[in-house]
Amino acid sequence: MFNKSTARVRLTGILAGAAVLALAACSGGGTDSADSTDGAGGGSENIRVGFSQLGAESGWRTANTESVKANLTAENGIDLTFVDAQQKQENQIKALRDFIDQDVDVIAFSPVIETGWDEVLQEIKDAEIPVVLVDRTVDTTVEDPFVTWIGADFTAEGVTAGEWVAENAPDAKIFELQGTMGSGAQTNRQEGFRSVVEDQIVGEATGNFTRAEGKAATEAALQAYPDMNLIFAHNDDMGLGAIEAIEAAGKVPGKDIQIVTVDGVHDGLTALLEGKFNFVVECNPAFGDQLLELIKQVAAGEDVEKETIVVDQAFDQTITQEIIDARSF
């Protein structure tokens, strides 16, 4: 049986020696209301978890949500309350405070942006509820604001994309199609990419990780930077929007303008197979099973690693339909 008070006593000991950490972590419809499993009320021996997802802005985020919900189930010992913040920090902060009021055992969330969490994280700490950060991370003055983080290395993803460009398009004039400004995925993918090919970048704009805004940003870029011949998109959905804009302008995506993206969702890899994308760096969203084990360990007061890096792959145009069909997202 899960003993909440014992877990928190143990957790206090674990956190006392931990250093403040602000990690750089991926690029994710729903309503403002919470989605709860049966039995989340009194009497359950399951671990009560409040999870705040930042939104449903992309295919990646949808796949991540599906993985979380498929694993954090009553059958696996979890009573889950799930809230979609719809990409609004104020919605997410409200959800976190609701979790405090519900006196959940563990809070997990994917922060919309990195900053602006100090007050609510202090409230969670005062309530002695352990926090697990998922995918993205925070930049906060609160001491020991979370127990552990799980996600991809966004900086390494940017470096991988940049290295492919440096080898395969060393003279490219690059437009960088950025994600939500201030998010870990945006800042760190940019940092990694520019550490390799910064001198080749001719312009930048945010597409907010969505297909529609990626298309609009690319339409503007085609006018502003007529010599650009490569786009680095921080996620597949923006890259797919870029394809629409490029084709509407009478150009051939993948040839006239090469496209490098991050995520590796089904639609993105299909575009790669069709030759419309040139290179895709994976950001694996299907780590709900790993999250489940971390939450169980945290709830039991066990020592856990401060970070868990989800292993990613990369794909070029040699990808096959069999590889795409075999993937779960």
C-alpha atoms as a PDB file:
ATOM      1  CA  MET A   1       0.000   0.000   0.000  1.00  0.00           C
ATOM      2  CA  PHE A   2       1.280   3.446  -0.853  1.00  0.00           C
ATOM      3  CA  ASN A   3       2.131   5.466   2.258  1.00  0.00           C
ATOM      4  CA  LYS A   4       2.075   9.139   1.392  1.00  0.00           C
ATOM      5  CA  SER A   5       3.502  10.511   4.612  1.00  0.00           C
ATOM      6  CA  THR A   6       6.409   8.069   4.580  1.00  0.00           C
ATOM      7  CA  ALA A   7       7.194   8.925   0.971  1.00  0.00           C
ATOM      8  CA  ARG A   8       7.300  12.632   1.715  1.00  0.00           C
ATOM      9  CA  VAL A   9       9.586  12.176   4.720  1.00  0.00           C
ATOM     10  CA  ARG A  10      11.984  10.207   2.537  1.00  0.00           C
ATOM     11  CA  LEU A  11      11.647  12.738  -0.258  1.00  0.00           C
ATOM     12  CA  THR A  12      12.629  15.580   2.036  1.00  0.00           C
ATOM     13  CA  GLY A  13      15.876  13.814   2.731  1.00  0.00           C
ATOM     14  CA  ILE A  14      16.529  13.294  -0.951  1.00  0.00           C
ATOM     15  CA  LEU A  15      15.842  16.899  -1.868  1.00  0.00           C
ATOM     16  CA  ALA A  16      17.922  18.371   0.933  1.00  0.00           C
ATOM     17  CA  GLY A  17      21.154  17.565  -0.832  1.00  0.00           C
ATOM     18  CA  ALA A  18      20.097  18.300  -4.397  1.00  0.00           C
ATOM     19  CA  ALA A  19      21.326  21.347  -6.311  1.00  0.00           C
ATOM     20  CA  VAL A  20      19.015  23.794  -8.030  1.00  0.00           C
ATOM     21  CA  LEU A  21      18.697  22.641 -11.594  1.00  0.00           C
ATOM     22  CA  ALA A  22      17.196  24.358 -14.618  1.00  0.00           C
ATOM     23  CA  LEU A  23      17.466  21.874 -17.445  1.00  0.00           C
ATOM     24  CA  ALA A  24      16.991  22.647 -21.099  1.00  0.00           C
ATOM     25  CA  ALA A  25      14.367  20.326 -22.427  1.00  0.00           C
ATOM     26  CA  CYS A  26      10.384  18.724 -26.693  1.00  0.00           C
ATOM     27  CA  SER A  27       8.174  19.956 -28.821  1.00  0.00           C
ATOM     28  CA  GLY A  28       1.747  19.373 -27.659  1.00  0.00           C
ATOM     29  CA  GLY A  29      -7.341  19.168 -28.120  1.00  0.00           C
ATOM     30  CA  GLY A  30      -8.549  19.422 -24.793  1.00  0.00           C
ATOM     31  CA  THR A  31     -10.641  21.531 -22.457  1.00  0.00           C
ATOM     32  CA  ASP A  32      -9.943  23.485 -19.308  1.00  0.00           C
ATOM     33  CA  SER A  33     -11.630  20.776 -17.246  1.00  0.00           C
ATOM     34  CA  ALA A  34      -9.735  17.913 -15.676  1.00  0.00           C
ATOM     35  CA  ASP A  35     -10.029  14.352 -16.946  1.00  0.00           C
ATOM     36  CA  SER A  36     -10.006  12.017 -13.947  1.00  0.00           C
ATOM     37  CA  THR A  37      -9.937   8.253 -13.638  1.00  0.00           C
ATOM     38  CA  ASP A  38     -12.538   6.470 -11.554  1.00  0.00           C
ATOM     39  CA  GLY A  39     -11.646   6.068  -7.927  1.00  0.00           C
ATOM     40  CA  ALA A  40      -9.473   9.157  -7.674  1.00  0.00           C
ATOM     41  CA  GLY A  41     -11.464  10.143  -4.621  1.00  0.00           C
ATOM     42  CA  GLY A  42     -11.204   8.735  -1.096  1.00  0.00           C
ATOM     43  CA  GLY A  43     -10.184   5.213  -0.232  1.00  0.00           C
ATOM     44  CA  SER A  44      -7.993   4.351  -3.199  1.00  0.00           C
ATOM     45  CA  GLU A  45      -4.627   2.725  -2.539  1.00  0.00           C
ATOM     46  CA  ASN A  46      -3.360   3.911  -5.913  1.00  0.00           C
ATOM     47  CA  ILE A  47      -0.924   6.799  -6.279  1.00  0.00           C
ATOM     48  CA  ARG A  48      -2.882   9.958  -6.998  1.00  0.00           C
ATOM     49  CA  VAL A  49      -1.184  11.909  -9.794  1.00  0.00           C
ATOM     50  CA  GLY A  50      -2.055  15.327 -11.171  1.00  0.00           C
ATOM     51  CA  PHE A  51      -0.677  15.793 -14.683  1.00  0.00           C
ATOM     52  CA  SER A  52      -0.845  19.110 -16.532  1.00  0.00           C
ATOM     53  CA  GLN A  53      -0.106  18.814 -20.242  1.00  0.00           C
ATOM     54  CA  LEU A  54       0.817  22.100 -21.897  1.00  0.00           C
ATOM     55  CA  GLY A  55      -1.552  21.654 -24.832  1.00  0.00           C
ATOM     56  CA  ALA A  56      -2.162  19.837 -28.111  1.00  0.00           C
ATOM     57  CA  GLU A  57      -0.285  22.063 -30.537  1.00  0.00           C
ATOM     58  CA  SER A  58       1.298  19.307 -32.579  1.00  0.00           C
ATOM     59  CA  GLY A  59       1.218  15.660 -33.549  1.00  0.00           C
ATOM     60  CA  TRP A  60       4.127  15.121 -31.179  1.00  0.00           C
ATOM     61  CA  ARG A  61       2.199  16.509 -28.213  1.00  0.00           C
ATOM     62  CA  THR A  62      -0.841  14.387 -29.025  1.00  0.00           C
ATOM     63  CA  ALA A  63       1.329  11.262 -29.159  1.00  0.00           C
ATOM     64  CA  ASN A  64       2.941  12.198 -25.844  1.00  0.00           C
ATOM     65  CA  THR A  65      -0.462  12.651 -24.198  1.00  0.00           C
ATOM     66  CA  GLU A  66      -1.621   9.291 -25.525  1.00  0.00           C
ATOM     67  CA  SER A  67       1.487   7.614 -24.121  1.00  0.00           C
ATOM     68  CA  VAL A  68       0.999   9.242 -20.713  1.00  0.00           C
ATOM     69  CA  LYS A  69      -2.663   8.274 -20.484  1.00  0.00           C
ATOM     70  CA  ALA A  70      -2.009   4.727 -21.702  1.00  0.00           C
ATOM     71  CA  ASN A  71       0.497   4.131 -18.916  1.00  0.00           C
ATOM     72  CA  LEU A  72      -0.756   6.177 -15.954  1.00  0.00           C
ATOM     73  CA  THR A  73      -3.789   3.987 -15.380  1.00  0.00           C
ATOM     74  CA  ALA A  74      -5.611   2.428 -12.440  1.00  0.00           C
ATOM     75  CA  GLU A  75      -4.431  -0.978 -13.642  1.00  0.00           C
ATOM     76  CA  ASN A  76      -0.873   0.289 -13.207  1.00  0.00           C
ATOM     77  CA  GLY A  77      -1.552   1.663  -9.738  1.00  0.00           C
ATOM     78  CA  ILE A  78      -2.246   5.291 -10.693  1.00  0.00           C
ATOM     79  CA  ASP A  79      -5.313   7.471 -10.199  1.00  0.00           C
ATOM     80  CA  LEU A  80      -4.705  10.181 -12.817  1.00  0.00           C
ATOM     81  CA  THR A  81      -6.187  13.655 -13.007  1.00  0.00           C
ATOM     82  CA  PHE A  82      -5.209  15.065 -16.407  1.00  0.00           C
ATOM     83  CA  VAL A  83      -5.567  18.721 -17.419  1.00  0.00           C
ATOM     84  CA  ASP A  84      -4.817  20.240 -20.843  1.00  0.00           C
ATOM     85  CA  ALA A  85      -3.556  23.818 -20.409  1.00  0.00           C
ATOM     86  CA  GLN A  86      -4.223  24.747 -24.054  1.00  0.00           C
ATOM     87  CA  GLN A  87      -0.784  26.402 -24.325  1.00  0.00           C
ATOM     88  CA  LYS A  88      -1.638  29.013 -21.691  1.00  0.00           C
ATOM     89  CA  GLN A  89       0.568  29.357 -18.641  1.00  0.00           C
ATOM     90  CA  GLU A  90      -2.284  30.783 -16.568  1.00  0.00           C
ATOM     91  CA  ASN A  91      -4.319  27.625 -17.210  1.00  0.00           C
ATOM     92  CA  GLN A  92      -1.392  25.496 -16.163  1.00  0.00           C
ATOM     93  CA  ILE A  93      -0.786  27.432 -12.953  1.00  0.00           C
ATOM     94  CA  LYS A  94      -4.478  27.070 -12.066  1.00  0.00           C
ATOM     95  CA  ALA A  95      -4.253  23.323 -12.672  1.00  0.00           C
ATOM     96  CA  LEU A  96      -1.199  23.020 -10.417  1.00  0.00           C
ATOM     97  CA  ARG A  97      -2.987  24.885  -7.630  1.00  0.00           C
ATOM     98  CA  ASP A  98      -6.008  22.626  -8.075  1.00  0.00           C
ATOM     99  CA  PHE A  99      -3.709  19.630  -7.650  1.00  0.00           C
ATOM    100  CA  ILE A 100      -2.481  21.124  -4.368  1.00  0.00           C
ATOM    101  CA  ASP A 101      -6.092  21.550  -3.191  1.00  0.00           C
ATOM    102  CA  GLN A 102      -6.786  17.936  -4.167  1.00  0.00           C
ATOM    103  CA  ASP A 103      -3.766  16.862  -2.096  1.00  0.00           C
ATOM    104  CA  VAL A 104      -2.437  14.587  -4.826  1.00  0.00           C
ATOM    105  CA  ASP A 105       0.593  12.413  -4.115  1.00  0.00           C
ATOM    106  CA  VAL A 106       2.690  13.486  -7.119  1.00  0.00           C
ATOM    107  CA  ILE A 107       2.434  16.400  -9.555  1.00  0.00           C
ATOM    108  CA  ALA A 108       3.786  16.000 -13.091  1.00  0.00           C
ATOM    109  CA  PHE A 109       3.671  18.666 -15.780  1.00  0.00           C
ATOM    110  CA  SER A 110       5.132  19.858 -19.074  1.00  0.00           C
ATOM    111  CA  PRO A 111       5.659  23.611 -18.637  1.00  0.00           C
ATOM    112  CA  VAL A 112       4.482  25.884 -21.454  1.00  0.00           C
ATOM    113  CA  ILE A 113       7.525  28.134 -21.047  1.00  0.00           C
ATOM    114  CA  GLU A 114      10.541  28.065 -18.736  1.00  0.00           C
ATOM    115  CA  THR A 115       9.939  31.120 -16.530  1.00  0.00           C
ATOM    116  CA  GLY A 116       7.113  32.446 -14.354  1.00  0.00           C
ATOM    117  CA  TRP A 117       6.722  29.444 -12.052  1.00  0.00           C
ATOM    118  CA  ASP A 118       8.326  30.685  -8.841  1.00  0.00           C
ATOM    119  CA  GLU A 119       5.168  31.338  -6.841  1.00  0.00           C
ATOM    120  CA  VAL A 120       3.270  28.158  -7.681  1.00  0.00           C
ATOM    121  CA  LEU A 121       6.361  25.946  -7.362  1.00  0.00           C
ATOM    122  CA  GLN A 122       6.942  27.360  -3.878  1.00  0.00           C
ATOM    123  CA  GLU A 123       3.316  26.591  -3.015  1.00  0.00           C
ATOM    124  CA  ILE A 124       3.774  23.004  -4.207  1.00  0.00           C
ATOM    125  CA  LYS A 125       6.965  22.686  -2.196  1.00  0.00           C
ATOM    126  CA  ASP A 126       5.263  24.067   0.917  1.00  0.00           C
ATOM    127  CA  ALA A 127       2.536  21.438   0.436  1.00  0.00           C
ATOM    128  CA  GLU A 128       5.303  18.775   0.326  1.00  0.00           C
ATOM    129  CA  ILE A 129       4.129  17.357  -2.987  1.00  0.00           C
ATOM    130  CA  PRO A 130       6.956  16.009  -5.189  1.00  0.00           C
ATOM    131  CA  VAL A 131       7.163  17.311  -8.754  1.00  0.00           C
ATOM    132  CA  VAL A 132       8.183  15.401 -11.862  1.00  0.00           C
ATOM    133  CA  LEU A 133       8.894  17.563 -14.905  1.00  0.00           C
ATOM    134  CA  VAL A 134       8.033  16.048 -18.262  1.00  0.00           C
ATOM    135  CA  ASP A 135       9.573  16.999 -21.616  1.00  0.00           C
ATOM    136  CA  ARG A 136      10.233  20.671 -20.833  1.00  0.00           C
ATOM    137  CA  THR A 137      11.858  22.242 -17.806  1.00  0.00           C
ATOM    138  CA  VAL A 138      11.797  25.416 -15.721  1.00  0.00           C
ATOM    139  CA  ASP A 139      14.065  28.320 -14.852  1.00  0.00           C
ATOM    140  CA  THR A 140      13.192  29.270 -11.281  1.00  0.00           C
ATOM    141  CA  THR A 141      14.629  30.751  -8.092  1.00  0.00           C
ATOM    142  CA  VAL A 142      12.846  28.136  -5.979  1.00  0.00           C
ATOM    143  CA  GLU A 143      15.322  25.786  -4.343  1.00  0.00           C
ATOM    144  CA  ASP A 144      14.943  22.122  -5.357  1.00  0.00           C
ATOM    145  CA  PRO A 145      11.733  22.790  -7.324  1.00  0.00           C
ATOM    146  CA  PHE A 146      11.411  19.267  -8.733  1.00  0.00           C
ATOM    147  CA  VAL A 147      12.592  15.775  -7.943  1.00  0.00           C
ATOM    148  CA  THR A 148      13.350  14.608 -11.453  1.00  0.00           C
ATOM    149  CA  TRP A 149      12.908  15.429 -15.129  1.00  0.00           C
ATOM    150  CA  ILE A 150      12.351  13.134 -18.100  1.00  0.00           C
ATOM    151  CA  GLY A 151      12.626  14.170 -21.730  1.00  0.00           C
ATOM    152  CA  ALA A 152      14.844  14.607 -24.759  1.00  0.00           C
ATOM    153  CA  ASP A 153      18.083  16.559 -25.042  1.00  0.00           C
ATOM    154  CA  PHE A 154      16.858  19.504 -27.124  1.00  0.00           C
ATOM    155  CA  THR A 155      20.314  20.991 -27.484  1.00  0.00           C
ATOM    156  CA  ALA A 156      21.672  17.729 -28.875  1.00  0.00           C
ATOM    157  CA  GLU A 157      18.748  17.614 -31.332  1.00  0.00           C
ATOM    158  CA  GLY A 158      19.700  21.047 -32.625  1.00  0.00           C
ATOM    159  CA  VAL A 159      23.342  20.014 -32.931  1.00  0.00           C
ATOM    160  CA  THR A 160      22.374  16.888 -34.897  1.00  0.00           C
ATOM    161  CA  ALA A 161      20.298  18.985 -37.302  1.00  0.00           C
ATOM    162  CA  GLY A 162      23.118  21.489 -37.687  1.00  0.00           C
ATOM    163  CA  GLU A 163      25.714  18.804 -38.367  1.00  0.00           C
ATOM    164  CA  TRP A 164      23.563  17.365 -41.164  1.00  0.00           C
ATOM    165  CA  VAL A 165      23.273  20.837 -42.737  1.00  0.00           C
ATOM    166  CA  ALA A 166      27.018  21.476 -42.381  1.00  0.00           C
ATOM    167  CA  GLU A 167      27.799  18.215 -44.176  1.00  0.00           C
ATOM    168  CA  ASN A 168      25.064  18.200 -46.815  1.00  0.00           C
ATOM    169  CA  ALA A 169      24.315  21.886 -47.460  1.00  0.00           C
ATOM    170  CA  PRO A 170      27.394  23.845 -46.321  1.00  0.00           C
ATOM    171  CA  ASP A 171      26.503  26.897 -48.414  1.00  0.00           C
ATOM    172  CA  ALA A 172      22.796  26.950 -47.581  1.00  0.00           C
ATOM    173  CA  LYS A 173      21.016  30.184 -46.718  1.00  0.00           C
ATOM    174  CA  ILE A 174      18.926  29.128 -43.746  1.00  0.00           C
ATOM    175  CA  PHE A 175      15.630  30.391 -42.398  1.00  0.00           C
ATOM    176  CA  GLU A 176      15.007  29.188 -38.833  1.00  0.00           C
ATOM    177  CA  LEU A 177      11.368  28.417 -38.086  1.00  0.00           C
ATOM    178  CA  GLN A 178      11.260  28.572 -34.304  1.00  0.00           C
ATOM    179  CA  GLY A 179       8.891  27.069 -31.774  1.00  0.00           C
ATOM    180  CA  THR A 180       7.077  28.828 -28.928  1.00  0.00           C
ATOM    181  CA  MET A 181       9.407  31.596 -27.805  1.00  0.00           C
ATOM    182  CA  GLY A 182      10.832  31.058 -24.338  1.00  0.00           C
ATOM    183  CA  SER A 183      10.128  27.335 -24.268  1.00  0.00           C
ATOM    184  CA  GLY A 184      12.974  24.938 -23.611  1.00  0.00           C
ATOM    185  CA  ALA A 185      12.444  23.286 -26.976  1.00  0.00           C
ATOM    186  CA  GLN A 186      12.828  26.620 -28.775  1.00  0.00           C
ATOM    187  CA  THR A 187      15.773  28.029 -26.864  1.00  0.00           C
ATOM    188  CA  ASN A 188      17.842  24.860 -26.757  1.00  0.00           C
ATOM    189  CA  ARG A 189      17.205  23.612 -30.282  1.00  0.00           C
ATOM    190  CA  GLN A 190      18.200  27.055 -31.474  1.00  0.00           C
ATOM    191  CA  GLU A 191      21.317  27.017 -29.307  1.00  0.00           C
ATOM    192  CA  GLY A 192      22.410  23.585 -30.538  1.00  0.00           C
ATOM    193  CA  PHE A 193      21.706  24.316 -34.193  1.00  0.00           C
ATOM    194  CA  ARG A 194      23.423  27.690 -34.201  1.00  0.00           C
ATOM    195  CA  SER A 195      26.492  26.301 -32.483  1.00  0.00           C
ATOM    196  CA  VAL A 196      27.160  24.530 -35.785  1.00  0.00           C
ATOM    197  CA  VAL A 197      25.786  26.758 -38.585  1.00  0.00           C
ATOM    198  CA  GLU A 198      25.088  30.188 -37.103  1.00  0.00           C
ATOM    199  CA  ASP A 199      26.827  32.064 -39.937  1.00  0.00           C
ATOM    200  CA  GLN A 200      24.445  30.564 -42.506  1.00  0.00           C
ATOM    201  CA  ILE A 201      21.211  31.839 -40.937  1.00  0.00           C
ATOM    202  CA  VAL A 202      19.601  34.671 -42.890  1.00  0.00           C
ATOM    203  CA  GLY A 203      16.323  35.002 -40.976  1.00  0.00           C
ATOM    204  CA  GLU A 204      14.092  33.646 -38.238  1.00  0.00           C
ATOM    205  CA  ALA A 205      10.484  33.742 -37.042  1.00  0.00           C
ATOM    206  CA  THR A 206       8.284  31.768 -34.679  1.00  0.00           C
ATOM    207  CA  GLY A 207       5.624  29.378 -35.900  1.00  0.00           C
ATOM    208  CA  ASN A 208       4.588  28.529 -32.321  1.00  0.00           C
ATOM    209  CA  PHE A 209       4.953  24.791 -33.040  1.00  0.00           C
ATOM    210  CA  THR A 210       1.761  24.759 -35.153  1.00  0.00           C
ATOM    211  CA  ARG A 211       1.232  23.899 -38.796  1.00  0.00           C
ATOM    212  CA  ALA A 212      -0.880  26.990 -39.537  1.00  0.00           C
ATOM    213  CA  GLU A 213       1.611  29.421 -38.029  1.00  0.00           C
ATOM    214  CA  GLY A 214       4.505  27.590 -39.653  1.00  0.00           C
ATOM    215  CA  LYS A 215       2.840  28.110 -43.015  1.00  0.00           C
ATOM    216  CA  ALA A 216       2.217  31.806 -42.327  1.00  0.00           C
ATOM    217  CA  ALA A 217       5.799  32.397 -41.161  1.00  0.00           C
ATOM    218  CA  THR A 218       7.171  30.667 -44.250  1.00  0.00           C
ATOM    219  CA  GLU A 219       4.940  32.712 -46.562  1.00  0.00           C
ATOM    220  CA  ALA A 220       6.407  35.859 -45.040  1.00  0.00           C
ATOM    221  CA  ALA A 221       9.941  34.473 -45.208  1.00  0.00           C
ATOM    222  CA  LEU A 222       9.634  33.677 -48.909  1.00  0.00           C
ATOM    223  CA  GLN A 223       9.010  37.383 -49.489  1.00  0.00           C
ATOM    224  CA  ALA A 224      11.583  38.677 -47.013  1.00  0.00           C
ATOM    225  CA  TYR A 225      14.406  36.263 -47.834  1.00  0.00           C
ATOM    226  CA  PRO A 226      14.111  35.338 -51.532  1.00  0.00           C
ATOM    227  CA  ASP A 227      17.550  33.686 -51.520  1.00  0.00           C
ATOM    228  CA  MET A 228      16.834  31.271 -48.675  1.00  0.00           C
ATOM    229  CA  ASN A 229      17.145  27.661 -49.744  1.00  0.00           C
ATOM    230  CA  LEU A 230      16.903  25.725 -46.477  1.00  0.00           C
ATOM    231  CA  ILE A 231      14.470  25.827 -43.558  1.00  0.00           C
ATOM    232  CA  PHE A 232      15.234  24.457 -40.116  1.00  0.00           C
ATOM    233  CA  ALA A 233      11.885  23.926 -38.387  1.00  0.00           C
ATOM    234  CA  HIS A 234      11.833  23.223 -34.660  1.00  0.00           C
ATOM    235  CA  ASN A 235       9.126  20.618 -35.160  1.00  0.00           C
ATOM    236  CA  ASP A 236       7.480  18.568 -37.910  1.00  0.00           C
ATOM    237  CA  ASP A 237       4.158  20.424 -37.833  1.00  0.00           C
ATOM    238  CA  MET A 238       5.762  23.767 -38.671  1.00  0.00           C
ATOM    239  CA  GLY A 239       7.779  22.025 -41.381  1.00  0.00           C
ATOM    240  CA  LEU A 240       4.568  20.610 -42.836  1.00  0.00           C
ATOM    241  CA  GLY A 241       3.121  24.129 -42.872  1.00  0.00           C
ATOM    242  CA  ALA A 242       6.281  25.273 -44.651  1.00  0.00           C
ATOM    243  CA  ILE A 243       5.687  22.657 -47.361  1.00  0.00           C
ATOM    244  CA  GLU A 244       2.251  24.155 -48.051  1.00  0.00           C
ATOM    245  CA  ALA A 245       3.701  27.668 -48.346  1.00  0.00           C
ATOM    246  CA  ILE A 246       6.575  26.563 -50.574  1.00  0.00           C
ATOM    247  CA  GLU A 247       4.284  24.649 -52.940  1.00  0.00           C
ATOM    248  CA  ALA A 248       1.852  27.578 -53.087  1.00  0.00           C
ATOM    249  CA  ALA A 249       4.782  29.767 -54.166  1.00  0.00           C
ATOM    250  CA  GLY A 250       5.510  27.424 -57.082  1.00  0.00           C
ATOM    251  CA  LYS A 251       8.653  25.944 -55.578  1.00  0.00           C
ATOM    252  CA  VAL A 252       9.524  22.318 -54.801  1.00  0.00           C
ATOM    253  CA  PRO A 253      10.020  21.466 -51.124  1.00  0.00           C
ATOM    254  CA  GLY A 254      13.030  19.244 -50.550  1.00  0.00           C
ATOM    255  CA  LYS A 255      14.698  20.500 -53.745  1.00  0.00           C
ATOM    256  CA  ASP A 256      14.328  24.236 -54.281  1.00  0.00           C
ATOM    257  CA  ILE A 257      14.132  24.678 -50.524  1.00  0.00           C
ATOM    258  CA  GLN A 258      15.441  21.902 -48.309  1.00  0.00           C
ATOM    259  CA  ILE A 259      13.669  21.262 -45.000  1.00  0.00           C
ATOM    260  CA  VAL A 260      15.194  19.914 -41.790  1.00  0.00           C
ATOM    261  CA  THR A 261      12.864  19.284 -38.845  1.00  0.00           C
ATOM    262  CA  VAL A 262      12.652  17.788 -35.372  1.00  0.00           C
ATOM    263  CA  ASP A 263      10.080  15.287 -34.030  1.00  0.00           C
ATOM    264  CA  GLY A 264       9.710  12.244 -36.274  1.00  0.00           C
ATOM    265  CA  VAL A 265       5.937  11.840 -36.093  1.00  0.00           C
ATOM    266  CA  HIS A 266       4.152   9.824 -38.783  1.00  0.00           C
ATOM    267  CA  ASP A 267       3.253  12.792 -41.005  1.00  0.00           C
ATOM    268  CA  GLY A 268       6.775  14.176 -40.795  1.00  0.00           C
ATOM    269  CA  LEU A 269       8.430  10.903 -41.733  1.00  0.00           C
ATOM    270  CA  THR A 270       5.946  10.464 -44.579  1.00  0.00           C
ATOM    271  CA  ALA A 271       7.036  13.865 -45.912  1.00  0.00           C
ATOM    272  CA  LEU A 272      10.632  12.642 -45.629  1.00  0.00           C
ATOM    273  CA  LEU A 273       9.798   9.478 -47.570  1.00  0.00           C
ATOM    274  CA  GLU A 274       8.148  11.603 -50.276  1.00  0.00           C
ATOM    275  CA  GLY A 275      11.273  13.762 -50.560  1.00  0.00           C
ATOM    276  CA  LYS A 276       9.622  16.928 -49.220  1.00  0.00           C
ATOM    277  CA  PHE A 277      11.659  16.846 -46.015  1.00  0.00           C
ATOM    278  CA  ASN A 278      15.396  16.205 -46.239  1.00  0.00           C
ATOM    279  CA  PHE A 279      16.319  15.251 -42.673  1.00  0.00           C
ATOM    280  CA  VAL A 280      14.348  14.603 -39.475  1.00  0.00           C
ATOM    281  CA  VAL A 281      15.750  14.420 -35.964  1.00  0.00           C
ATOM    282  CA  GLU A 282      13.539  12.319 -33.723  1.00  0.00           C
ATOM    283  CA  CYS A 283      12.128  13.567 -30.448  1.00  0.00           C
ATOM    284  CA  ASN A 284      10.482  10.456 -29.063  1.00  0.00           C
ATOM    285  CA  PRO A 285       7.152  11.221 -27.323  1.00  0.00           C
ATOM    286  CA  ALA A 286       6.338   7.642 -26.293  1.00  0.00           C
ATOM    287  CA  PHE A 287       7.970   7.485 -22.874  1.00  0.00           C
ATOM    288  CA  GLY A 288       4.870   7.060 -20.722  1.00  0.00           C
ATOM    289  CA  ASP A 289       6.189   3.726 -19.472  1.00  0.00           C
ATOM    290  CA  GLN A 290       9.374   5.364 -18.203  1.00  0.00           C
ATOM    291  CA  LEU A 291       7.344   8.168 -16.616  1.00  0.00           C
ATOM    292  CA  LEU A 292       5.202   5.587 -14.823  1.00  0.00           C
ATOM    293  CA  GLU A 293       8.230   3.941 -13.242  1.00  0.00           C
ATOM    294  CA  LEU A 294       9.684   7.303 -12.188  1.00  0.00           C
ATOM    295  CA  ILE A 295       6.415   8.324 -10.529  1.00  0.00           C
ATOM    296  CA  LYS A 296       6.235   5.042  -8.637  1.00  0.00           C
ATOM    297  CA  GLN A 297       9.795   5.458  -7.410  1.00  0.00           C
ATOM    298  CA  VAL A 298       9.200   9.070  -6.375  1.00  0.00           C
ATOM    299  CA  ALA A 299       5.986   8.181  -4.546  1.00  0.00           C
ATOM    300  CA  ALA A 300       7.794   5.402  -2.686  1.00  0.00           C
ATOM    301  CA  GLY A 301      10.513   7.808  -1.570  1.00  0.00           C
ATOM    302  CA  GLU A 302      13.221   6.030  -3.538  1.00  0.00           C
ATOM    303  CA  ASP A 303      16.334   7.719  -4.865  1.00  0.00           C
ATOM    304  CA  VAL A 304      15.944   8.648  -8.530  1.00  0.00           C
ATOM    305  CA  GLU A 305      18.267  10.202 -11.082  1.00  0.00           C
ATOM    306  CA  LYS A 306      17.827  13.954 -11.476  1.00  0.00           C
ATOM    307  CA  GLU A 307      17.283  13.518 -15.209  1.00  0.00           C
ATOM    308  CA  THR A 308      16.289  10.772 -17.612  1.00  0.00           C
ATOM    309  CA  ILE A 309      17.232  11.371 -21.246  1.00  0.00           C
ATOM    310  CA  VAL A 310      14.934   9.751 -23.809  1.00  0.00           C
ATOM    311  CA  VAL A 311      17.059   8.311 -26.608  1.00  0.00           C
ATOM    312  CA  ASP A 312      16.373   9.766 -30.066  1.00  0.00           C
ATOM    313  CA  GLN A 313      17.210   8.690 -33.622  1.00  0.00           C
ATOM    314  CA  ALA A 314      17.619  10.626 -36.877  1.00  0.00           C
ATOM    315  CA  PHE A 315      16.317   9.830 -40.358  1.00  0.00           C
ATOM    316  CA  ASP A 316      17.224  10.866 -43.900  1.00  0.00           C
ATOM    317  CA  GLN A 317      15.522  10.179 -47.232  1.00  0.00           C
ATOM    318  CA  THR A 318      16.638   6.538 -47.201  1.00  0.00           C
ATOM    319  CA  ILE A 319      13.764   5.858 -44.768  1.00  0.00           C
ATOM    320  CA  THR A 320      11.291   3.151 -45.832  1.00  0.00           C
ATOM    321  CA  GLN A 321       7.552   2.762 -45.432  1.00  0.00           C
ATOM    322  CA  GLU A 322       8.197  -0.281 -43.244  1.00  0.00           C
ATOM    323  CA  ILE A 323      10.083   1.870 -40.735  1.00  0.00           C
ATOM    324  CA  ILE A 324       7.253   4.386 -40.625  1.00  0.00           C
ATOM    325  CA  ASP A 325       4.569   1.715 -40.258  1.00  0.00           C
ATOM    326  CA  ALA A 326       6.443   0.057 -37.396  1.00  0.00           C
ATOM    327  CA  ARG A 327       6.431   3.207 -35.269  1.00  0.00           C
ATOM    328  CA  SER A 328       3.841   3.871 -32.585  1.00  0.00           C
ATOM    329  CA  PHE A 329       3.549   7.618 -33.207  1.00  0.00           C
END
